[in-house]
């Protein structure tokens, strides 16, 4: 029985990777290849740009389906979120730069990816009509 544990673990990790969004897969592959802080920072930057593009696509698609008050409310919410994102980035840069030295860039980059990824997935769940799975929200 114990000899199957490594095979089961490998299968489970492969399944988890297969269920990841392609942007997350590319980010993980990039991080696995890089060994320098600068290289890993570039991985995060590339992933943030990709998630930003995905977020904009989800927002644009959703806006095309809405009219009237719901459309106005979504526009207001997205503008407020963009202000929040920028404020959070500024706060993260200020905090991490003073407390973590060269590792700060990695934490700032990971935080940026997370913020934009979550917003893209939230907009995607709205386009789908709701959150059928709590992880989709």
C-alpha atoms as a PDB file:
ATOM      1  CA  UNK A   1       0.000   0.000   0.000  1.00  0.00           C
ATOM      2  CA  UNK A   2       2.796   2.432   0.905  1.00  0.00           C
ATOM      3  CA  UNK A   3       4.473   2.017  -2.467  1.00  0.00           C
ATOM      4  CA  UNK A   4       1.434   3.635  -4.124  1.00  0.00           C
ATOM      5  CA  UNK A   5       1.588   6.768  -1.967  1.00  0.00           C
ATOM      6  CA  UNK A   6       4.232   8.536  -4.107  1.00  0.00           C
ATOM      7  CA  UNK A   7       2.268   7.712  -7.256  1.00  0.00           C
ATOM      8  CA  UNK A   8      -0.940   9.009  -5.696  1.00  0.00           C
ATOM      9  CA  UNK A   9       0.807  12.190  -4.548  1.00  0.00           C
ATOM     10  CA  UNK A  10       2.241  12.754  -8.017  1.00  0.00           C
ATOM     11  CA  UNK A  11      -1.182  12.214  -9.579  1.00  0.00           C
ATOM     12  CA  UNK A  12      -2.819  14.615  -7.121  1.00  0.00           C
ATOM     13  CA  UNK A  13      -0.232  17.312  -7.784  1.00  0.00           C
ATOM     14  CA  UNK A  14      -0.609  16.836 -11.554  1.00  0.00           C
ATOM     15  CA  UNK A  15      -4.374  17.084 -11.232  1.00  0.00           C
ATOM     16  CA  UNK A  16      -4.065  20.273  -9.186  1.00  0.00           C
ATOM     17  CA  UNK A  17      -1.760  21.793 -11.792  1.00  0.00           C
ATOM     18  CA  UNK A  18      -4.146  20.775 -14.583  1.00  0.00           C
ATOM     19  CA  UNK A  19      -7.002  22.551 -12.813  1.00  0.00           C
ATOM     20  CA  UNK A  20      -5.026  25.774 -12.445  1.00  0.00           C
ATOM     21  CA  UNK A  21      -5.713  28.665 -14.741  1.00  0.00           C
ATOM     22  CA  UNK A  22      -3.184  28.809 -17.596  1.00  0.00           C
ATOM     23  CA  UNK A  23      -1.824  32.122 -16.283  1.00  0.00           C
ATOM     24  CA  UNK A  24      -1.139  30.503 -12.911  1.00  0.00           C
ATOM     25  CA  UNK A  25       0.525  27.555 -14.637  1.00  0.00           C
ATOM     26  CA  UNK A  26       2.774  29.888 -16.638  1.00  0.00           C
ATOM     27  CA  UNK A  27       3.656  31.811 -13.493  1.00  0.00           C
ATOM     28  CA  UNK A  28       4.586  28.635 -11.627  1.00  0.00           C
ATOM     29  CA  UNK A  29       6.674  27.379 -14.536  1.00  0.00           C
ATOM     30  CA  UNK A  30       8.468  30.727 -14.724  1.00  0.00           C
ATOM     31  CA  UNK A  31       9.164  30.745 -10.974  1.00  0.00           C
ATOM     32  CA  UNK A  32      10.450  27.169 -11.203  1.00  0.00           C
ATOM     33  CA  UNK A  33      12.944  28.229 -13.909  1.00  0.00           C
ATOM     34  CA  UNK A  34      14.181  31.397 -12.209  1.00  0.00           C
ATOM     35  CA  UNK A  35      16.587  31.521  -9.305  1.00  0.00           C
ATOM     36  CA  UNK A  36      17.249  35.250  -9.000  1.00  0.00           C
ATOM     37  CA  UNK A  37      15.076  37.854  -7.329  1.00  0.00           C
ATOM     38  CA  UNK A  38      15.086  39.900 -10.544  1.00  0.00           C
ATOM     39  CA  UNK A  39      13.993  36.901 -12.597  1.00  0.00           C
ATOM     40  CA  UNK A  40      11.218  35.957 -10.196  1.00  0.00           C
ATOM     41  CA  UNK A  41      10.070  39.595 -10.058  1.00  0.00           C
ATOM     42  CA  UNK A  42       9.767  39.512 -13.833  1.00  0.00           C
ATOM     43  CA  UNK A  43       7.650  36.352 -13.558  1.00  0.00           C
ATOM     44  CA  UNK A  44       5.256  38.189 -11.240  1.00  0.00           C
ATOM     45  CA  UNK A  45       5.189  41.225 -13.506  1.00  0.00           C
ATOM     46  CA  UNK A  46       4.355  39.105 -16.537  1.00  0.00           C
ATOM     47  CA  UNK A  47       1.602  37.285 -14.626  1.00  0.00           C
ATOM     48  CA  UNK A  48       0.153  40.577 -13.375  1.00  0.00           C
ATOM     49  CA  UNK A  49       0.010  41.874 -16.940  1.00  0.00           C
ATOM     50  CA  UNK A  50      -1.662  38.668 -18.124  1.00  0.00           C
ATOM     51  CA  UNK A  51      -4.230  38.772 -15.305  1.00  0.00           C
ATOM     52  CA  UNK A  52      -4.821  42.479 -16.016  1.00  0.00           C
ATOM     53  CA  UNK A  53      -5.582  41.609 -19.641  1.00  0.00           C
ATOM     54  CA  UNK A  54      -7.930  38.834 -18.466  1.00  0.00           C
ATOM     55  CA  UNK A  55      -9.606  41.197 -16.002  1.00  0.00           C
ATOM     56  CA  UNK A  56     -10.172  43.767 -18.739  1.00  0.00           C
ATOM     57  CA  UNK A  57     -11.621  41.103 -21.040  1.00  0.00           C
ATOM     58  CA  UNK A  58     -14.012  39.925 -18.320  1.00  0.00           C
ATOM     59  CA  UNK A  59     -15.019  43.506 -17.496  1.00  0.00           C
ATOM     60  CA  UNK A  60     -15.570  44.409 -21.155  1.00  0.00           C
ATOM     61  CA  UNK A  61     -17.597  41.269 -21.775  1.00  0.00           C
ATOM     62  CA  UNK A  62     -19.715  41.871 -18.714  1.00  0.00           C
ATOM     63  CA  UNK A  63     -20.308  45.529 -19.573  1.00  0.00           C
ATOM     64  CA  UNK A  64     -21.613  44.492 -23.001  1.00  0.00           C
ATOM     65  CA  UNK A  65     -24.340  42.444 -21.334  1.00  0.00           C
ATOM     66  CA  UNK A  66     -25.536  45.181 -18.977  1.00  0.00           C
ATOM     67  CA  UNK A  67     -27.616  48.314 -19.349  1.00  0.00           C
ATOM     68  CA  UNK A  68     -28.903  51.051 -17.075  1.00  0.00           C
ATOM     69  CA  UNK A  69     -28.238  50.990 -13.351  1.00  0.00           C
ATOM     70  CA  UNK A  70     -26.417  47.627 -13.199  1.00  0.00           C
ATOM     71  CA  UNK A  71     -23.964  48.852 -15.843  1.00  0.00           C
ATOM     72  CA  UNK A  72     -23.432  52.154 -14.014  1.00  0.00           C
ATOM     73  CA  UNK A  73     -22.926  50.351 -10.697  1.00  0.00           C
ATOM     74  CA  UNK A  74     -20.388  47.964 -12.190  1.00  0.00           C
ATOM     75  CA  UNK A  75     -18.486  50.871 -13.754  1.00  0.00           C
ATOM     76  CA  UNK A  76     -18.417  52.657 -10.370  1.00  0.00           C
ATOM     77  CA  UNK A  77     -17.319  49.485  -8.595  1.00  0.00           C
ATOM     78  CA  UNK A  78     -14.509  48.798 -11.074  1.00  0.00           C
ATOM     79  CA  UNK A  79     -13.249  52.372 -10.831  1.00  0.00           C
ATOM     80  CA  UNK A  80     -13.281  52.119  -7.033  1.00  0.00           C
ATOM     81  CA  UNK A  81     -11.451  48.793  -7.248  1.00  0.00           C
ATOM     82  CA  UNK A  82      -8.759  50.349  -9.474  1.00  0.00           C
ATOM     83  CA  UNK A  83      -8.262  53.084  -6.862  1.00  0.00           C
ATOM     84  CA  UNK A  84      -8.069  50.415  -4.151  1.00  0.00           C
ATOM     85  CA  UNK A  85      -5.543  48.391  -6.195  1.00  0.00           C
ATOM     86  CA  UNK A  86      -3.296  51.414  -6.642  1.00  0.00           C
ATOM     87  CA  UNK A  87      -3.544  52.356  -2.958  1.00  0.00           C
ATOM     88  CA  UNK A  88      -2.796  48.795  -1.883  1.00  0.00           C
ATOM     89  CA  UNK A  89       0.233  48.665  -4.192  1.00  0.00           C
ATOM     90  CA  UNK A  90       1.544  51.930  -2.720  1.00  0.00           C
ATOM     91  CA  UNK A  91       1.021  50.656   0.826  1.00  0.00           C
ATOM     92  CA  UNK A  92       2.702  47.325   0.006  1.00  0.00           C
ATOM     93  CA  UNK A  93       5.701  49.035  -1.565  1.00  0.00           C
ATOM     94  CA  UNK A  94       6.039  51.312   1.442  1.00  0.00           C
ATOM     95  CA  UNK A  95       5.749  48.496   3.982  1.00  0.00           C
ATOM     96  CA  UNK A  96       7.746  45.728   2.322  1.00  0.00           C
ATOM     97  CA  UNK A  97      10.521  48.018   1.090  1.00  0.00           C
ATOM     98  CA  UNK A  98      11.217  49.089   4.664  1.00  0.00           C
ATOM     99  CA  UNK A  99      10.937  45.692   6.303  1.00  0.00           C
ATOM    100  CA  UNK A 100      12.174  43.046   3.886  1.00  0.00           C
ATOM    101  CA  UNK A 101      15.068  44.262   1.764  1.00  0.00           C
ATOM    102  CA  UNK A 102      15.535  42.448  -1.543  1.00  0.00           C
ATOM    103  CA  UNK A 103      12.712  39.975  -0.819  1.00  0.00           C
ATOM    104  CA  UNK A 104      10.302  42.907  -0.848  1.00  0.00           C
ATOM    105  CA  UNK A 105      10.066  42.827  -4.634  1.00  0.00           C
ATOM    106  CA  UNK A 106       8.805  39.252  -4.527  1.00  0.00           C
ATOM    107  CA  UNK A 107       6.137  39.964  -1.927  1.00  0.00           C
ATOM    108  CA  UNK A 108       5.017  43.081  -3.776  1.00  0.00           C
ATOM    109  CA  UNK A 109       4.877  41.134  -7.047  1.00  0.00           C
ATOM    110  CA  UNK A 110       2.961  38.221  -5.533  1.00  0.00           C
ATOM    111  CA  UNK A 111       0.512  40.644  -3.937  1.00  0.00           C
ATOM    112  CA  UNK A 112      -0.104  42.384  -7.246  1.00  0.00           C
ATOM    113  CA  UNK A 113      -0.771  39.097  -9.003  1.00  0.00           C
ATOM    114  CA  UNK A 114      -3.194  38.083  -6.269  1.00  0.00           C
ATOM    115  CA  UNK A 115      -5.133  41.357  -6.354  1.00  0.00           C
ATOM    116  CA  UNK A 116      -5.626  41.411 -10.117  1.00  0.00           C
ATOM    117  CA  UNK A 117      -6.254  37.663 -10.338  1.00  0.00           C
ATOM    118  CA  UNK A 118      -8.994  37.839  -7.723  1.00  0.00           C
ATOM    119  CA  UNK A 119     -10.699  40.743  -9.482  1.00  0.00           C
ATOM    120  CA  UNK A 120     -10.538  38.961 -12.849  1.00  0.00           C
ATOM    121  CA  UNK A 121     -12.093  35.847 -11.336  1.00  0.00           C
ATOM    122  CA  UNK A 122     -14.753  37.887  -9.539  1.00  0.00           C
ATOM    123  CA  UNK A 123     -15.750  39.543 -12.812  1.00  0.00           C
ATOM    124  CA  UNK A 124     -15.718  36.140 -14.498  1.00  0.00           C
ATOM    125  CA  UNK A 125     -18.095  34.761 -11.865  1.00  0.00           C
ATOM    126  CA  UNK A 126     -20.449  37.685 -12.472  1.00  0.00           C
ATOM    127  CA  UNK A 127     -20.403  36.927 -16.202  1.00  0.00           C
ATOM    128  CA  UNK A 128     -21.295  33.328 -15.410  1.00  0.00           C
ATOM    129  CA  UNK A 129     -24.248  34.516 -13.353  1.00  0.00           C
ATOM    130  CA  UNK A 130     -22.978  33.917  -9.852  1.00  0.00           C
ATOM    131  CA  UNK A 131     -20.697  31.906  -7.689  1.00  0.00           C
ATOM    132  CA  UNK A 132     -21.565  28.243  -7.942  1.00  0.00           C
ATOM    133  CA  UNK A 133     -18.341  27.443  -6.134  1.00  0.00           C
ATOM    134  CA  UNK A 134     -17.043  29.688  -3.314  1.00  0.00           C
ATOM    135  CA  UNK A 135     -13.590  29.542  -4.919  1.00  0.00           C
ATOM    136  CA  UNK A 136     -15.048  31.237  -8.011  1.00  0.00           C
ATOM    137  CA  UNK A 137     -15.899  34.422  -6.135  1.00  0.00           C
END
